[in-house]
Amino acid sequence: MRAFIVVAMKDRYDGSKKRSHKAALQALVQCRYDRAVVESRGKSWHMTKRRRSLIARSLSRYLDLDRYIAFIRQKWFIADKYQSFQQWTTRVLAGDAGDVSFTALQCLAAAYFAHMHGKPKAVVIQGTALYGKALVQLRQRIEDPRTAYDATNVAAAIALHLYELVTCTNEIGQLQHAGGVGRLIEVRGPATFKRSPDHEYFLAARLQIIYDAGIHRKRCFLAKEEWKTIPFTSTRASRSLLTRLVDIWVDVPEYYAEQREIDEDISAGLDTSARQSALVKRMATSLQALIRWRRDWETKNDGVAFEVPVDPRTSLTLDAHGRPLYPTVLYFHNAESANEILLYNALLPVLRGIGGIVYGAQTLALAFESLEAGEVSDTRDSEEKKPLALPRKDQPYLEPVREICRCVDYHLLQEARTPGALGLMVPLRHCFLALCAQNMVEEAQFLIRIFRVLANSTGLEVTRRLSALSQLGNRRPIEGNFSQKLSPGIVKLNEMARTNEVNSEPV
């Protein structure tokens, strides 16, 4: 039997006979069984679920916030595996404990701790109260000219955004309604993010801002040239592979916004052929940059990925009947490289036509037209089978999508499953839309189960909504003729998902 028992850190008396004991517990945070053994003064007794709940509530006010932070650092911010992900938290913890960024990190830690331990009411309330306190502090600091441009405001906004991913109390969260992280960074201007710690906060927030802009189909200020260059002018090191990849991602919200406007003009009966042609050329330019990036990644990371046969006893990559969905899954020797290839594989189908943008074939052809022969040919040893495919002119549309699906085990069956889940969220969302557009019912059903596994095992409640067949955030139809292309099987599967009829785990 495994039970989670937390022993009290201090004694408490109130002078009455009823409380003449030392408090034996600080809190009982979670137990996966109906009965648990609780130790006190060398004695032990079995406790019913009701009595356990009463004790947890009565002692929850003594819970130590440091324990929550230690828990989330252990699960999320693993320095030796996800270095870029944990840098900003190190800065926050090294700062003032009364700062808004520290309060925001506390509310995130409390919410995550509660979600992973059965959502005890007192801890949930504590996290909600800290969230409200952090929002008030942040608003006051933004309104004060002396603190409006402090880097800690950005760090706090990042933590509050993560809090909303865990709690998912409404569609996009109070912070996002107020403009969120992107607005805080935009008003400061690119020159303020050239040096540490502002530069680290900027790097941590970029993908978050890009994803938010893409969800809402609005243009992103990060696509402007000054935001691609000025924040990096003071760094001595060359731009990392991840930084260069995000530089390509920043144009994606622009393409979505342009496509939305084209669809509106088409509905109004206007001629959009010139705008469509211009959009194809811009997307082809991004695709060229992505192909070159993938070649550079291969040079630096040759041998970092390897294949593992699917074991039905432990693997998540199974169909609804418990059979392997693919013969092998992908594992990596380096977590940062694994995250980079996830983002690459998600971006490739976006630029080729995911989400209803129907220019895939044209974009791919244009991208390869101006590439040199050395950039297109596969120079790897043909006798050695490589687990990851290089981009090519005749590459099947779903090949990168399935590479992402084959990475699920690596990211979710490891110790660092929650940061792995954060890296999977957006790629899997794009995978789901691509599979639905191609009417791949079995693989789409697999992803619906994975979305629920993500929510249940990593604390990211927002992942339950990633199987929507509409735009996230506003529930509008996806651009182009996406909805008209869906087969009856996909529509039925989505209806089952909304009514919780699709199992969260393989049978």
Protein backbone atom coordinates (compact mmCIF):
# COMPACT_ATOMS: atom_id res chain seq x y z
CA MET A 1 0.00 0.00 0.00
CA ARG A 2 1.27 3.42 -0.89
CA ALA A 3 0.00 6.47 0.93
CA PHE A 4 1.13 10.05 0.92
CA ILE A 5 1.54 11.20 4.54
CA VAL A 6 3.01 14.48 5.63
CA VAL A 7 4.15 14.69 9.28
CA ALA A 8 3.68 17.88 11.31
CA MET A 9 6.58 20.31 11.54
CA LYS A 10 5.59 22.09 14.76
CA ASP A 11 3.56 21.49 17.94
CA ARG A 12 0.43 23.46 18.72
CA TYR A 13 -1.52 23.86 21.97
CA ASP A 14 -4.61 25.90 22.83
CA GLY A 15 -4.77 25.26 26.60
CA SER A 16 -7.82 23.05 26.49
CA LYS A 17 -8.00 19.40 27.42
CA LYS A 18 -9.39 18.58 24.02
CA ARG A 19 -6.21 19.88 22.43
CA SER A 20 -3.65 18.79 24.98
CA HIS A 21 -2.03 16.60 22.33
CA LYS A 22 0.73 17.61 19.99
CA ALA A 23 -0.61 17.89 16.49
CA ALA A 24 0.49 14.73 14.79
CA LEU A 25 0.06 15.77 11.19
CA GLN A 26 0.67 18.80 9.08
CA ALA A 27 -1.65 17.50 6.39
CA LEU A 28 -2.72 14.36 4.66
CA VAL A 29 -2.34 15.52 1.10
CA GLN A 30 -3.35 12.48 -0.87
CA CYS A 31 -4.00 8.80 -0.65
CA ARG A 32 -4.95 6.54 -3.55
CA TYR A 33 -6.71 4.12 -1.22
CA ASP A 34 -9.85 4.35 0.88
CA ARG A 35 -7.92 3.85 4.13
CA ALA A 36 -4.55 5.14 5.25
CA VAL A 37 -2.26 4.68 8.23
CA VAL A 38 -1.50 7.91 10.05
CA GLU A 39 1.28 8.03 12.62
CA SER A 40 1.20 10.10 15.82
CA ARG A 41 3.29 9.83 19.02
CA GLY A 42 4.41 6.34 18.12
CA LYS A 43 0.82 5.18 17.70
CA SER A 44 -0.95 4.32 14.48
CA TRP A 45 -4.56 3.70 13.58
CA HIS A 46 -6.63 3.08 10.48
CA MET A 47 -8.69 6.00 9.36
CA THR A 48 -11.83 6.18 7.28
CA LYS A 49 -11.97 8.43 4.26
CA ARG A 50 -14.30 10.83 6.11
CA ARG A 51 -12.02 11.15 9.13
CA ARG A 52 -9.00 11.60 6.84
CA SER A 53 -10.78 14.43 5.06
CA LEU A 54 -11.68 16.13 8.34
CA ILE A 55 -8.09 16.03 9.55
CA ALA A 56 -6.78 17.33 6.23
CA ARG A 57 -9.17 20.29 6.42
CA SER A 58 -8.44 21.12 10.03
CA LEU A 59 -4.69 21.09 9.58
CA SER A 60 -4.45 22.55 6.08
CA ARG A 61 -3.87 26.05 7.42
CA TYR A 62 -0.46 24.90 8.64
CA LEU A 63 0.64 23.75 5.22
CA ASP A 64 4.03 25.06 4.22
CA LEU A 65 4.17 26.88 0.89
CA ASP A 66 7.82 25.93 0.65
CA ARG A 67 6.67 22.34 0.37
CA TYR A 68 4.54 23.20 -2.65
CA ILE A 69 7.43 24.98 -4.33
CA ALA A 70 9.79 22.08 -3.59
CA PHE A 71 7.23 19.72 -5.12
CA ILE A 72 6.75 21.69 -8.32
CA ARG A 73 10.49 22.21 -8.72
CA GLN A 74 11.00 18.49 -8.44
CA LYS A 75 8.32 17.74 -11.04
CA TRP A 76 8.62 20.69 -13.46
CA PHE A 77 11.89 22.53 -13.27
CA ILE A 78 14.52 19.85 -13.68
CA ALA A 79 17.73 21.70 -14.44
CA ASP A 80 19.69 18.85 -15.97
CA LYS A 81 16.90 17.94 -18.42
CA TYR A 82 15.04 21.14 -19.31
CA GLN A 83 17.56 23.93 -18.80
CA SER A 84 15.80 26.61 -20.83
CA PHE A 85 12.51 25.86 -19.08
CA GLN A 86 13.75 26.35 -15.51
CA GLN A 87 16.00 29.43 -15.86
CA TRP A 88 13.34 31.98 -15.01
CA THR A 89 12.24 30.12 -11.85
CA THR A 90 15.80 30.14 -10.57
CA ARG A 91 15.77 33.92 -10.89
CA VAL A 92 12.46 34.20 -9.06
CA LEU A 93 13.55 32.00 -6.15
CA ALA A 94 16.77 33.96 -5.78
CA GLY A 95 14.83 37.22 -5.42
CA ASP A 96 12.70 38.82 -2.72
CA ALA A 97 10.11 36.51 -1.13
CA GLY A 98 7.62 39.40 -1.04
CA ASP A 99 7.90 40.14 -4.73
CA VAL A 100 4.95 39.65 -7.07
CA SER A 101 6.85 37.02 -9.06
CA PHE A 102 7.37 34.96 -5.91
CA THR A 103 3.66 35.24 -5.00
CA ALA A 104 2.75 34.13 -8.52
CA LEU A 105 5.09 31.14 -8.26
CA GLN A 106 3.51 30.24 -4.91
CA CYS A 107 0.00 30.25 -6.39
CA LEU A 108 1.20 28.07 -9.28
CA ALA A 109 2.88 25.67 -6.88
CA ALA A 110 -0.20 25.43 -4.64
CA ALA A 111 -2.53 24.82 -7.60
CA TYR A 112 -0.29 22.13 -9.04
CA PHE A 113 0.20 20.48 -5.64
CA ALA A 114 -3.56 20.41 -5.09
CA HIS A 115 -4.29 18.99 -8.54
CA MET A 116 -1.76 16.20 -8.13
CA HIS A 117 -3.04 15.27 -4.66
CA GLY A 118 -6.78 14.94 -5.06
CA LYS A 119 -7.63 18.66 -4.98
CA PRO A 120 -8.00 19.11 -1.18
CA LYS A 121 -10.33 22.05 -0.77
CA ALA A 122 -8.12 24.02 1.61
CA VAL A 123 -5.12 23.89 -0.72
CA VAL A 124 -7.25 24.88 -3.71
CA ILE A 125 -8.59 27.86 -1.75
CA GLN A 126 -5.07 28.79 -0.72
CA GLY A 127 -3.87 28.72 -4.34
CA THR A 128 -6.87 30.77 -5.49
CA ALA A 129 -6.23 33.37 -2.80
CA LEU A 130 -2.59 33.65 -3.80
CA TYR A 131 -3.66 34.00 -7.44
CA GLY A 132 -5.92 36.90 -6.54
CA LYS A 133 -3.17 38.48 -4.46
CA ALA A 134 -0.68 38.16 -7.31
CA LEU A 135 -3.11 39.75 -9.80
CA VAL A 136 -3.65 42.71 -7.45
CA GLN A 137 0.09 43.10 -6.89
CA LEU A 138 0.78 42.91 -10.61
CA ARG A 139 -1.87 45.49 -11.46
CA GLN A 140 -0.53 47.88 -8.82
CA ARG A 141 3.02 47.50 -10.10
CA ILE A 142 1.97 48.11 -13.69
CA GLU A 143 0.07 51.25 -12.68
CA ASP A 144 3.05 52.59 -10.73
CA PRO A 145 5.57 54.31 -13.06
CA ARG A 146 8.41 53.32 -10.72
CA THR A 147 7.75 49.58 -11.11
CA ALA A 148 5.83 49.33 -14.39
CA TYR A 149 8.81 48.08 -16.37
CA ASP A 150 10.42 45.75 -13.83
CA ALA A 151 11.48 42.36 -15.14
CA THR A 152 9.74 40.65 -12.23
CA ASN A 153 6.38 41.64 -13.71
CA VAL A 154 7.11 39.47 -16.73
CA ALA A 155 8.23 36.58 -14.51
CA ALA A 156 4.99 36.87 -12.53
CA ALA A 157 2.91 36.90 -15.70
CA ILE A 158 4.59 33.71 -16.92
CA ALA A 159 3.79 31.95 -13.62
CA LEU A 160 0.18 33.17 -13.67
CA HIS A 161 -0.24 31.89 -17.21
CA LEU A 162 0.99 28.46 -16.11
CA TYR A 163 -1.43 28.64 -13.18
CA GLU A 164 -4.27 29.09 -15.66
CA LEU A 165 -3.10 26.06 -17.64
CA VAL A 166 -3.34 23.98 -14.46
CA THR A 167 -6.67 25.30 -13.16
CA CYS A 168 -8.32 26.10 -16.52
CA THR A 169 -11.11 27.92 -14.65
CA ASN A 170 -12.33 29.65 -17.80
CA GLU A 171 -11.63 29.60 -21.52
CA ILE A 172 -8.48 31.72 -21.58
CA GLY A 173 -7.97 33.01 -18.02
CA GLN A 174 -8.22 36.41 -16.42
CA LEU A 175 -4.63 37.29 -17.16
CA GLN A 176 -5.05 36.65 -20.88
CA HIS A 177 -8.17 38.88 -20.93
CA ALA A 178 -6.01 41.68 -19.55
CA GLY A 179 -3.46 41.34 -22.33
CA GLY A 180 -1.20 38.88 -20.57
CA VAL A 181 2.46 38.29 -20.91
CA GLY A 182 2.66 39.62 -24.46
CA ARG A 183 1.31 43.02 -23.54
CA LEU A 184 3.75 43.37 -20.64
CA ILE A 185 6.66 42.64 -22.96
CA GLU A 186 5.42 44.72 -25.91
CA VAL A 187 4.98 47.95 -23.93
CA ARG A 188 8.55 47.74 -22.65
CA GLY A 189 10.07 47.57 -26.13
CA PRO A 190 12.73 45.19 -27.50
CA ALA A 191 15.75 47.15 -26.19
CA THR A 192 14.85 46.36 -22.58
CA PHE A 193 15.38 42.63 -23.12
CA LYS A 194 19.00 42.66 -24.22
CA ARG A 195 20.52 41.83 -20.84
CA SER A 196 19.95 39.37 -18.01
CA PRO A 197 17.58 38.68 -16.30
CA ASP A 198 15.18 40.35 -18.74
CA HIS A 199 16.60 38.37 -21.65
CA GLU A 200 15.89 35.03 -19.91
CA TYR A 201 12.30 36.08 -19.19
CA PHE A 202 11.90 37.14 -22.82
CA LEU A 203 13.12 33.77 -24.09
CA ALA A 204 10.83 31.93 -21.65
CA ALA A 205 7.79 33.91 -22.80
CA ARG A 206 8.22 33.95 -26.57
CA LEU A 207 6.51 30.65 -27.40
CA GLN A 208 3.73 31.43 -24.93
CA ILE A 209 3.04 34.73 -26.73
CA ILE A 210 3.20 33.09 -30.17
CA TYR A 211 0.78 30.32 -29.18
CA ASP A 212 -1.67 32.82 -27.68
CA ALA A 213 -1.60 34.94 -30.84
CA GLY A 214 -2.10 31.85 -32.99
CA ILE A 215 -5.06 30.67 -30.92
CA HIS A 216 -6.76 34.03 -31.33
CA ARG A 217 -5.75 34.36 -35.01
CA LYS A 218 -4.19 37.77 -34.41
CA ARG A 219 -0.91 39.23 -35.59
CA CYS A 220 2.02 38.99 -33.21
CA PHE A 221 4.38 41.88 -32.49
CA LEU A 222 7.26 39.41 -32.19
CA ALA A 223 7.15 38.98 -35.97
CA LYS A 224 8.50 42.53 -36.42
CA GLU A 225 12.17 42.67 -37.34
CA GLU A 226 13.18 44.69 -34.29
CA TRP A 227 11.85 41.97 -31.98
CA LYS A 228 13.80 39.32 -33.90
CA THR A 229 17.09 41.21 -33.65
CA ILE A 230 17.40 43.85 -30.90
CA PRO A 231 16.93 41.55 -27.84
CA PHE A 232 19.85 39.45 -29.11
CA THR A 233 22.36 42.20 -29.89
CA SER A 234 24.08 42.04 -26.49
CA THR A 235 24.45 38.27 -26.26
CA ARG A 236 27.93 37.00 -27.02
CA ALA A 237 26.88 33.46 -27.84
CA SER A 238 25.45 32.58 -31.24
CA ARG A 239 21.73 32.04 -31.49
CA SER A 240 20.80 28.56 -30.32
CA LEU A 241 18.90 26.11 -32.47
CA LEU A 242 15.80 26.62 -30.33
CA THR A 243 16.02 30.42 -30.71
CA ARG A 244 16.32 30.10 -34.47
CA LEU A 245 13.34 27.73 -34.58
CA VAL A 246 11.18 30.12 -32.57
CA ASP A 247 12.23 32.87 -35.00
CA ILE A 248 10.42 30.86 -37.70
CA TRP A 249 7.42 30.18 -35.45
CA VAL A 250 6.78 33.90 -34.85
CA ASP A 251 5.39 34.32 -38.38
CA VAL A 252 2.73 31.61 -37.96
CA PRO A 253 0.15 33.88 -36.23
CA GLU A 254 0.62 36.30 -39.14
CA TYR A 255 -0.32 33.56 -41.58
CA TYR A 256 -3.37 32.56 -39.57
CA ALA A 257 -4.51 36.19 -39.32
CA GLU A 258 -4.01 36.70 -43.06
CA GLN A 259 -5.95 33.53 -43.84
CA ARG A 260 -8.79 34.65 -41.57
CA GLU A 261 -9.00 37.95 -43.46
CA ILE A 262 -8.91 36.13 -46.80
CA ASP A 263 -11.79 33.90 -45.69
CA GLU A 264 -13.79 36.97 -44.70
CA ASP A 265 -13.17 38.58 -48.10
CA ILE A 266 -14.18 35.38 -49.88
CA SER A 267 -17.43 35.33 -47.87
CA ALA A 268 -18.01 38.93 -48.97
CA GLY A 269 -17.56 37.94 -52.62
CA LEU A 270 -14.20 39.69 -53.11
CA ASP A 271 -11.34 38.52 -55.30
CA THR A 272 -8.53 37.23 -53.07
CA SER A 273 -6.26 35.50 -55.61
CA ALA A 274 -3.46 38.07 -55.28
CA ARG A 275 -3.49 37.87 -51.48
CA GLN A 276 -3.52 34.09 -51.58
CA SER A 277 -0.53 34.03 -53.91
CA ALA A 278 1.40 36.42 -51.65
CA LEU A 279 0.59 34.29 -48.61
CA VAL A 280 1.85 31.14 -50.34
CA LYS A 281 5.17 32.83 -51.12
CA ARG A 282 5.62 34.03 -47.55
CA MET A 283 4.87 30.59 -46.18
CA ALA A 284 7.30 29.04 -48.66
CA THR A 285 10.03 31.38 -47.38
CA SER A 286 9.38 30.21 -43.83
CA LEU A 287 9.40 26.61 -44.98
CA GLN A 288 12.79 27.14 -46.63
CA ALA A 289 14.19 28.48 -43.37
CA LEU A 290 12.72 25.47 -41.56
CA ILE A 291 14.31 23.01 -43.98
CA ARG A 292 17.71 24.67 -43.47
CA TRP A 293 17.19 24.59 -39.71
CA ARG A 294 16.45 20.86 -39.84
CA ARG A 295 19.72 20.21 -41.69
CA ASP A 296 21.66 22.13 -39.05
CA TRP A 297 19.86 20.25 -36.28
CA GLU A 298 20.81 16.94 -37.87
CA THR A 299 24.46 17.96 -38.02
CA LYS A 300 24.53 18.82 -34.34
CA ASN A 301 22.30 16.01 -33.08
CA ASP A 302 23.20 13.03 -35.22
CA GLY A 303 22.47 9.91 -33.17
CA VAL A 304 20.47 11.69 -30.44
CA ALA A 305 17.24 9.84 -31.36
CA PHE A 306 16.69 6.10 -31.33
CA GLU A 307 13.78 3.70 -31.78
CA VAL A 308 12.33 1.40 -29.13
CA PRO A 309 9.83 -1.41 -29.87
CA VAL A 310 6.38 -0.75 -28.41
CA ASP A 311 5.72 -2.76 -25.25
CA PRO A 312 1.93 -3.09 -24.81
CA ARG A 313 2.41 -3.62 -21.06
CA THR A 314 3.86 -0.15 -20.46
CA SER A 315 3.45 1.96 -23.59
CA LEU A 316 0.84 4.70 -24.05
CA THR A 317 1.09 4.45 -27.84
CA LEU A 318 -1.68 1.90 -28.24
CA ASP A 319 -4.98 1.80 -30.07
CA ALA A 320 -8.35 1.48 -28.36
CA HIS A 321 -7.89 -2.31 -28.12
CA GLY A 322 -4.47 -2.17 -26.49
CA ARG A 323 -2.52 -2.97 -29.65
CA PRO A 324 0.61 -1.00 -30.68
CA LEU A 325 -0.33 1.93 -32.89
CA TYR A 326 3.15 1.96 -34.45
CA PRO A 327 5.87 -0.73 -34.47
CA THR A 328 8.33 1.52 -32.63
CA VAL A 329 8.38 4.73 -30.58
CA LEU A 330 11.06 7.43 -30.43
CA TYR A 331 13.38 8.07 -27.50
CA PHE A 332 16.16 10.64 -27.15
CA HIS A 333 19.48 10.96 -25.35
CA ASN A 334 18.81 14.67 -24.75
CA ALA A 335 15.55 16.27 -23.60
CA GLU A 336 16.26 19.70 -25.11
CA SER A 337 16.86 18.13 -28.54
CA ALA A 338 13.63 16.16 -28.14
CA ASN A 339 11.71 19.38 -27.52
CA GLU A 340 13.29 21.03 -30.54
CA ILE A 341 12.29 18.21 -32.88
CA LEU A 342 8.74 18.35 -31.47
CA LEU A 343 8.45 22.03 -32.39
CA TYR A 344 9.95 21.38 -35.81
CA ASN A 345 7.58 18.52 -36.59
CA ALA A 346 4.60 20.62 -35.46
CA LEU A 347 5.62 23.58 -37.62
CA LEU A 348 6.23 21.57 -40.79
CA PRO A 349 2.57 20.56 -41.35
CA VAL A 350 1.43 24.05 -40.29
CA LEU A 351 3.40 25.55 -43.17
CA ARG A 352 2.24 22.81 -45.52
CA GLY A 353 -1.46 23.22 -44.94
CA ILE A 354 -2.76 22.30 -41.46
CA GLY A 355 -5.81 23.99 -39.97
CA GLY A 356 -7.64 24.53 -43.22
CA ILE A 357 -4.92 26.54 -45.02
CA VAL A 358 -5.08 24.65 -48.28
CA TYR A 359 -1.80 25.67 -49.90
CA GLY A 360 0.32 22.71 -48.81
CA ALA A 361 1.44 21.41 -52.21
CA GLN A 362 2.13 24.89 -53.61
CA THR A 363 4.09 25.95 -50.53
CA LEU A 364 6.27 22.84 -50.51
CA ALA A 365 7.04 23.11 -54.23
CA LEU A 366 8.02 26.78 -53.94
CA ALA A 367 10.19 26.10 -50.90
CA PHE A 368 12.25 23.44 -52.68
CA GLU A 369 12.59 25.39 -55.93
CA SER A 370 15.24 27.80 -54.66
CA LEU A 371 17.09 25.43 -52.34
CA GLU A 372 20.54 24.30 -53.39
CA ALA A 373 21.17 20.65 -54.17
CA GLY A 374 23.17 20.10 -50.98
CA GLU A 375 20.31 21.43 -48.88
CA VAL A 376 17.81 19.02 -50.43
CA SER A 377 19.67 15.73 -50.82
CA ASP A 378 20.02 13.30 -47.91
CA THR A 379 23.75 12.97 -47.26
CA ARG A 380 23.38 10.51 -44.42
CA ASP A 381 24.70 6.97 -44.68
CA SER A 382 22.05 5.16 -46.71
CA GLU A 383 22.98 1.82 -45.13
CA GLU A 384 22.11 3.04 -41.66
CA LYS A 385 18.42 3.49 -40.98
CA LYS A 386 17.74 6.82 -39.25
CA PRO A 387 14.78 7.12 -36.87
CA LEU A 388 13.91 10.71 -37.87
CA ALA A 389 13.02 11.73 -41.42
CA LEU A 390 14.61 14.70 -43.16
CA PRO A 391 12.35 17.05 -45.14
CA ARG A 392 12.02 16.24 -48.82
CA LYS A 393 9.87 17.31 -51.71
CA ASP A 394 7.83 14.11 -51.74
CA GLN A 395 7.55 13.81 -47.95
CA PRO A 396 4.15 12.40 -46.91
CA TYR A 397 2.05 15.03 -45.17
CA LEU A 398 1.48 12.92 -42.04
CA GLU A 399 5.08 11.74 -41.60
CA PRO A 400 6.09 14.54 -39.16
CA VAL A 401 2.69 14.22 -37.44
CA ARG A 402 3.33 10.56 -36.69
CA GLU A 403 6.85 11.32 -35.48
CA ILE A 404 5.26 13.54 -32.82
CA CYS A 405 2.84 10.78 -31.83
CA ARG A 406 5.75 8.38 -31.51
CA CYS A 407 7.43 10.75 -29.02
CA VAL A 408 4.58 10.54 -26.49
CA ASP A 409 6.07 7.68 -24.48
CA TYR A 410 9.40 9.45 -24.10
CA HIS A 411 7.83 12.63 -22.78
CA LEU A 412 5.17 11.09 -20.52
CA LEU A 413 6.77 7.92 -19.18
CA GLN A 414 9.81 9.73 -17.81
CA GLU A 415 10.46 11.38 -14.45
CA ALA A 416 9.97 14.82 -15.97
CA ARG A 417 6.52 14.12 -17.37
CA THR A 418 5.01 17.55 -16.62
CA PRO A 419 7.61 19.63 -18.51
CA GLY A 420 7.35 16.95 -21.17
CA ALA A 421 3.60 17.54 -21.28
CA LEU A 422 4.13 21.30 -21.64
CA GLY A 423 6.29 20.62 -24.67
CA LEU A 424 3.72 18.22 -26.12
CA MET A 425 0.60 20.39 -25.80
CA VAL A 426 0.85 22.52 -28.94
CA PRO A 427 2.47 19.87 -31.18
CA LEU A 428 -0.23 17.36 -30.25
CA ARG A 429 -2.95 19.92 -30.91
CA HIS A 430 -1.61 20.42 -34.44
CA CYS A 431 -1.28 16.65 -34.82
CA PHE A 432 -4.91 16.17 -33.86
CA LEU A 433 -6.17 18.69 -36.41
CA ALA A 434 -3.97 17.17 -39.12
CA LEU A 435 -5.19 13.64 -38.39
CA CYS A 436 -8.80 14.79 -38.34
CA ALA A 437 -8.37 16.61 -41.65
CA GLN A 438 -7.00 13.37 -43.14
CA ASN A 439 -9.78 11.31 -41.47
CA MET A 440 -7.41 9.13 -39.45
CA VAL A 441 -9.97 8.05 -36.85
CA GLU A 442 -7.85 5.52 -34.97
CA GLU A 443 -4.92 7.88 -34.45
CA ALA A 444 -7.24 10.79 -33.57
CA GLN A 445 -8.87 8.59 -30.94
CA PHE A 446 -5.41 7.81 -29.56
CA LEU A 447 -4.70 11.54 -29.15
CA ILE A 448 -8.01 12.16 -27.38
CA ARG A 449 -6.98 9.56 -24.81
CA ILE A 450 -3.54 11.15 -24.52
CA PHE A 451 -5.09 14.56 -23.87
CA ARG A 452 -6.90 13.08 -20.89
CA VAL A 453 -3.80 11.29 -19.70
CA LEU A 454 -2.01 14.63 -19.85
CA ALA A 455 -4.65 16.26 -17.69
CA ASN A 456 -4.84 13.43 -15.16
CA SER A 457 -1.13 12.72 -14.75
CA THR A 458 0.53 16.10 -15.20
CA GLY A 459 -1.93 18.60 -13.74
CA LEU A 460 -2.52 20.53 -16.98
CA GLU A 461 -6.31 20.72 -17.05
CA VAL A 462 -6.31 22.80 -20.23
CA THR A 463 -5.24 19.74 -22.24
CA ARG A 464 -8.78 18.31 -21.94
CA ARG A 465 -9.87 20.96 -24.44
CA LEU A 466 -7.27 20.24 -27.10
CA SER A 467 -9.58 17.83 -28.94
CA ALA A 468 -12.00 20.61 -29.94
CA LEU A 469 -12.76 20.77 -33.67
CA SER A 470 -12.99 24.55 -33.47
CA GLN A 471 -10.60 27.36 -32.63
CA LEU A 472 -9.50 27.35 -29.00
CA GLY A 473 -10.46 30.42 -27.03
CA ASN A 474 -13.40 31.56 -29.16
CA ARG A 475 -14.92 28.31 -30.53
CA ARG A 476 -15.09 29.75 -34.05
CA PRO A 477 -14.79 27.40 -37.04
CA ILE A 478 -11.27 26.62 -38.23
CA GLU A 479 -10.26 28.43 -41.40
CA GLY A 480 -10.88 27.20 -44.91
CA ASN A 481 -13.06 24.17 -45.53
CA PHE A 482 -11.73 22.19 -42.57
CA SER A 483 -15.17 21.36 -41.14
CA GLN A 484 -16.53 20.27 -44.52
CA LYS A 485 -13.63 17.83 -44.97
CA LEU A 486 -14.31 15.89 -41.75
CA SER A 487 -15.65 12.37 -42.13
CA PRO A 488 -18.68 11.14 -40.13
CA GLY A 489 -16.29 8.97 -38.10
CA ILE A 490 -14.28 12.00 -36.94
CA VAL A 491 -17.42 13.97 -36.09
CA LYS A 492 -18.81 11.05 -34.08
CA LEU A 493 -15.47 10.60 -32.30
CA ASN A 494 -15.46 14.26 -31.30
CA GLU A 495 -19.02 14.01 -29.97
CA MET A 496 -18.01 10.97 -27.91
CA ALA A 497 -15.02 12.88 -26.54
CA ARG A 498 -17.24 15.74 -25.40
CA THR A 499 -19.51 13.32 -23.55
CA ASN A 500 -16.57 11.44 -21.98
CA GLU A 501 -17.31 8.23 -23.89
CA VAL A 502 -13.73 7.84 -25.13
CA ASN A 503 -11.59 6.03 -22.59
CA SER A 504 -8.80 8.12 -21.05
CA GLU A 505 -6.40 5.21 -21.27
CA PRO A 506 -6.05 2.24 -23.63
CA VAL A 507 -7.98 -0.86 -22.66
